[in-house]
C-alpha atoms as a PDB file:
ATOM      1  CA  UNK A   1      58.670  93.093  74.771  1.00  0.00           C
ATOM      2  CA  UNK A   2      62.353  92.343  76.459  1.00  0.00           C
ATOM      3  CA  UNK A   3      63.749  92.450  73.128  1.00  0.00           C
ATOM      4  CA  UNK A   4      62.108  96.123  71.513  1.00  0.00           C
ATOM      5  CA  UNK A   5      63.122  97.643  74.969  1.00  0.00           C
ATOM      6  CA  UNK A   6      67.000  96.566  74.131  1.00  0.00           C
ATOM      7  CA  UNK A   7      66.372  98.063  70.192  1.00  0.00           C
ATOM      8  CA  UNK A   8      64.589 100.804  71.575  1.00  0.00           C
ATOM      9  CA  UNK A   9      68.249 101.709  73.799  1.00  0.00           C
ATOM     10  CA  UNK A  10      69.598 100.602  71.637  1.00  0.00           C
ATOM     11  CA  UNK A  11      68.243 102.984  69.524  1.00  0.00           C
ATOM     12  CA  UNK A  12      68.641 105.939  71.195  1.00  0.00           C
ATOM     13  CA  UNK A  13      72.306 104.789  71.933  1.00  0.00           C
ATOM     14  CA  UNK A  14      72.604 105.652  68.838  1.00  0.00           C
ATOM     15  CA  UNK A  15      72.231 108.515  68.094  1.00  0.00           C
ATOM     16  CA  UNK A  16      74.645 111.706  67.448  1.00  0.00           C
ATOM     17  CA  UNK A  17      75.168 114.231  68.915  1.00  0.00           C
ATOM     18  CA  UNK A  18      75.824 117.742  66.779  1.00  0.00           C
ATOM     19  CA  UNK A  19      77.759 121.364  67.892  1.00  0.00           C
ATOM     20  CA  UNK A  20      75.648 123.873  66.379  1.00  0.00           C
ATOM     21  CA  UNK A  21      77.968 127.334  65.577  1.00  0.00           C
ATOM     22  CA  UNK A  22      75.128 128.587  68.816  1.00  0.00           C
ATOM     23  CA  UNK A  23      76.115 126.562  70.694  1.00  0.00           C
ATOM     24  CA  UNK A  24      79.549 126.461  70.422  1.00  0.00           C
ATOM     25  CA  UNK A  25      80.358 129.911  69.969  1.00  0.00           C
ATOM     26  CA  UNK A  26      78.074 131.041  73.129  1.00  0.00           C
ATOM     27  CA  UNK A  27      80.441 127.856  74.752  1.00  0.00           C
ATOM     28  CA  UNK A  28      83.630 130.099  73.833  1.00  0.00           C
ATOM     29  CA  UNK A  29      82.646 133.012  75.319  1.00  0.00           C
ATOM     30  CA  UNK A  30      81.803 131.649  78.615  1.00  0.00           C
ATOM     31  CA  UNK A  31      84.820 129.949  78.825  1.00  0.00           C
ATOM     32  CA  UNK A  32      87.314 132.091  77.576  1.00  0.00           C
ATOM     33  CA  UNK A  33      85.345 134.591  80.273  1.00  0.00           C
ATOM     34  CA  UNK A  34      86.264 131.844  83.226  1.00  0.00           C
ATOM     35  CA  UNK A  35      89.424 131.758  82.287  1.00  0.00           C
ATOM     36  CA  UNK A  36      90.316 135.226  83.299  1.00  0.00           C
ATOM     37  CA  UNK A  37      89.602 134.567  86.735  1.00  0.00           C
ATOM     38  CA  UNK A  38      91.372 131.129  86.342  1.00  0.00           C
ATOM     39  CA  UNK A  39      92.429 128.981  83.167  1.00  0.00           C
ATOM     40  CA  UNK A  40      91.798 126.131  85.484  1.00  0.00           C
ATOM     41  CA  UNK A  41      88.175 126.147  86.014  1.00  0.00           C
ATOM     42  CA  UNK A  42      87.447 126.951  82.979  1.00  0.00           C
ATOM     43  CA  UNK A  43      88.997 124.390  81.172  1.00  0.00           C
ATOM     44  CA  UNK A  44      87.731 121.807  84.333  1.00  0.00           C
ATOM     45  CA  UNK A  45      84.362 123.376  83.598  1.00  0.00           C
ATOM     46  CA  UNK A  46      84.412 122.958  79.747  1.00  0.00           C
ATOM     47  CA  UNK A  47      84.705 119.830  80.262  1.00  0.00           C
ATOM     48  CA  UNK A  48      81.950 119.009  83.056  1.00  0.00           C
ATOM     49  CA  UNK A  49      79.071 120.504  79.985  1.00  0.00           C
ATOM     50  CA  UNK A  50      81.192 118.311  76.918  1.00  0.00           C
ATOM     51  CA  UNK A  51      80.772 114.966  79.752  1.00  0.00           C
ATOM     52  CA  UNK A  52      76.715 116.724  80.753  1.00  0.00           C
ATOM     53  CA  UNK A  53      76.181 117.049  76.729  1.00  0.00           C
ATOM     54  CA  UNK A  54      77.419 113.211  76.226  1.00  0.00           C
ATOM     55  CA  UNK A  55      74.902 111.781  78.932  1.00  0.00           C
ATOM     56  CA  UNK A  56      71.557 113.231  75.624  1.00  0.00           C
ATOM     57  CA  UNK A  57      71.737 110.065  73.501  1.00  0.00           C
ATOM     58  CA  UNK A  58      71.430 107.386  76.137  1.00  0.00           C
ATOM     59  CA  UNK A  59      67.518 108.895  77.885  1.00  0.00           C
ATOM     60  CA  UNK A  60      67.356 112.856  75.502  1.00  0.00           C
ATOM     61  CA  UNK A  61      63.749 113.010  77.042  1.00  0.00           C
ATOM     62  CA  UNK A  62      63.910 112.777  80.339  1.00  0.00           C
ATOM     63  CA  UNK A  63      64.877 116.390  80.408  1.00  0.00           C
ATOM     64  CA  UNK A  64      62.738 119.221  80.552  1.00  0.00           C
ATOM     65  CA  UNK A  65      60.869 119.620  77.001  1.00  0.00           C
ATOM     66  CA  UNK A  66      62.022 124.006  76.006  1.00  0.00           C
ATOM     67  CA  UNK A  67      60.644 127.348  78.468  1.00  0.00           C
ATOM     68  CA  UNK A  68      62.638 128.599  75.086  1.00  0.00           C
ATOM     69  CA  UNK A  69      60.706 126.840  72.757  1.00  0.00           C
ATOM     70  CA  UNK A  70      56.684 125.554  71.966  1.00  0.00           C
ATOM     71  CA  UNK A  71      58.150 122.142  70.372  1.00  0.00           C
ATOM     72  CA  UNK A  72      58.356 118.758  72.709  1.00  0.00           C
ATOM     73  CA  UNK A  73      61.048 117.554  70.606  1.00  0.00           C
ATOM     74  CA  UNK A  74      62.729 121.213  71.702  1.00  0.00           C
ATOM     75  CA  UNK A  75      64.899 120.113  75.619  1.00  0.00           C
ATOM     76  CA  UNK A  76      67.168 121.885  77.895  1.00  0.00           C
ATOM     77  CA  UNK A  77      69.232 119.927  80.187  1.00  0.00           C
ATOM     78  CA  UNK A  78      69.847 122.724  82.718  1.00  0.00           C
ATOM     79  CA  UNK A  79      73.987 122.156  84.307  1.00  0.00           C
ATOM     80  CA  UNK A  80      75.326 125.034  87.463  1.00  0.00           C
ATOM     81  CA  UNK A  81      72.353 126.926  87.049  1.00  0.00           C
ATOM     82  CA  UNK A  82      73.212 127.666  82.737  1.00  0.00           C
ATOM     83  CA  UNK A  83      70.963 125.951  80.297  1.00  0.00           C
ATOM     84  CA  UNK A  84      71.875 124.070  76.949  1.00  0.00           C
ATOM     85  CA  UNK A  85      69.559 123.567  74.873  1.00  0.00           C
ATOM     86  CA  UNK A  86      69.252 120.652  72.041  1.00  0.00           C
ATOM     87  CA  UNK A  87      66.878 119.521  69.853  1.00  0.00           C
ATOM     88  CA  UNK A  88      65.788 115.367  69.148  1.00  0.00           C
ATOM     89  CA  UNK A  89      65.778 114.710  65.734  1.00  0.00           C
ATOM     90  CA  UNK A  90      64.807 111.329  66.186  1.00  0.00           C
ATOM     91  CA  UNK A  91      64.794 110.902  61.615  1.00  0.00           C
ATOM     92  CA  UNK A  92      67.653 111.980  61.147  1.00  0.00           C
ATOM     93  CA  UNK A  93      68.245 110.105  65.154  1.00  0.00           C
ATOM     94  CA  UNK A  94      70.660 113.514  65.982  1.00  0.00           C
ATOM     95  CA  UNK A  95      70.567 115.238  69.254  1.00  0.00           C
ATOM     96  CA  UNK A  96      71.669 118.828  67.986  1.00  0.00           C
ATOM     97  CA  UNK A  97      72.979 121.145  70.789  1.00  0.00           C
ATOM     98  CA  UNK A  98      72.204 124.539  69.375  1.00  0.00           C
ATOM     99  CA  UNK A  99      71.639 126.852  72.499  1.00  0.00           C
ATOM    100  CA  UNK A 100      73.828 127.913  76.012  1.00  0.00           C
ATOM    101  CA  UNK A 101      72.429 130.702  78.421  1.00  0.00           C
ATOM    102  CA  UNK A 102      72.688 131.863  81.459  1.00  0.00           C
ATOM    103  CA  UNK A 103      70.625 134.767  82.749  1.00  0.00           C
ATOM    104  CA  UNK A 104      69.910 136.073  79.213  1.00  0.00           C
ATOM    105  CA  UNK A 105      65.983 135.344  76.866  1.00  0.00           C
ATOM    106  CA  UNK A 106      67.054 133.940  73.845  1.00  0.00           C
ATOM    107  CA  UNK A 107      69.632 130.776  74.423  1.00  0.00           C
ATOM    108  CA  UNK A 108      70.461 131.531  70.470  1.00  0.00           C
ATOM    109  CA  UNK A 109      71.692 135.216  68.890  1.00  0.00           C
END
């Protein structure tokens, strides 16, 4: 039993994170908007978002099932009121981060 658990942990931790254009474009727009008020806060915000995303591969299923999509493989990470939407692609062993929204109906364009 212990070896099975260790194997699963290693497999999940080795998942690669891929940032899709829809996510990077929306994050860049939000960072630019924040920078009008405070460039240092914008830089910290971007860093904090990326650091939260880096935690996903350790246990991707702990995040809630997405409210935007009807799939168990698509999850929402909530951070400071923003919803970061990602897909758990177990076939390719990849986390695909593709959505970023706050007060919008759709997480992608």
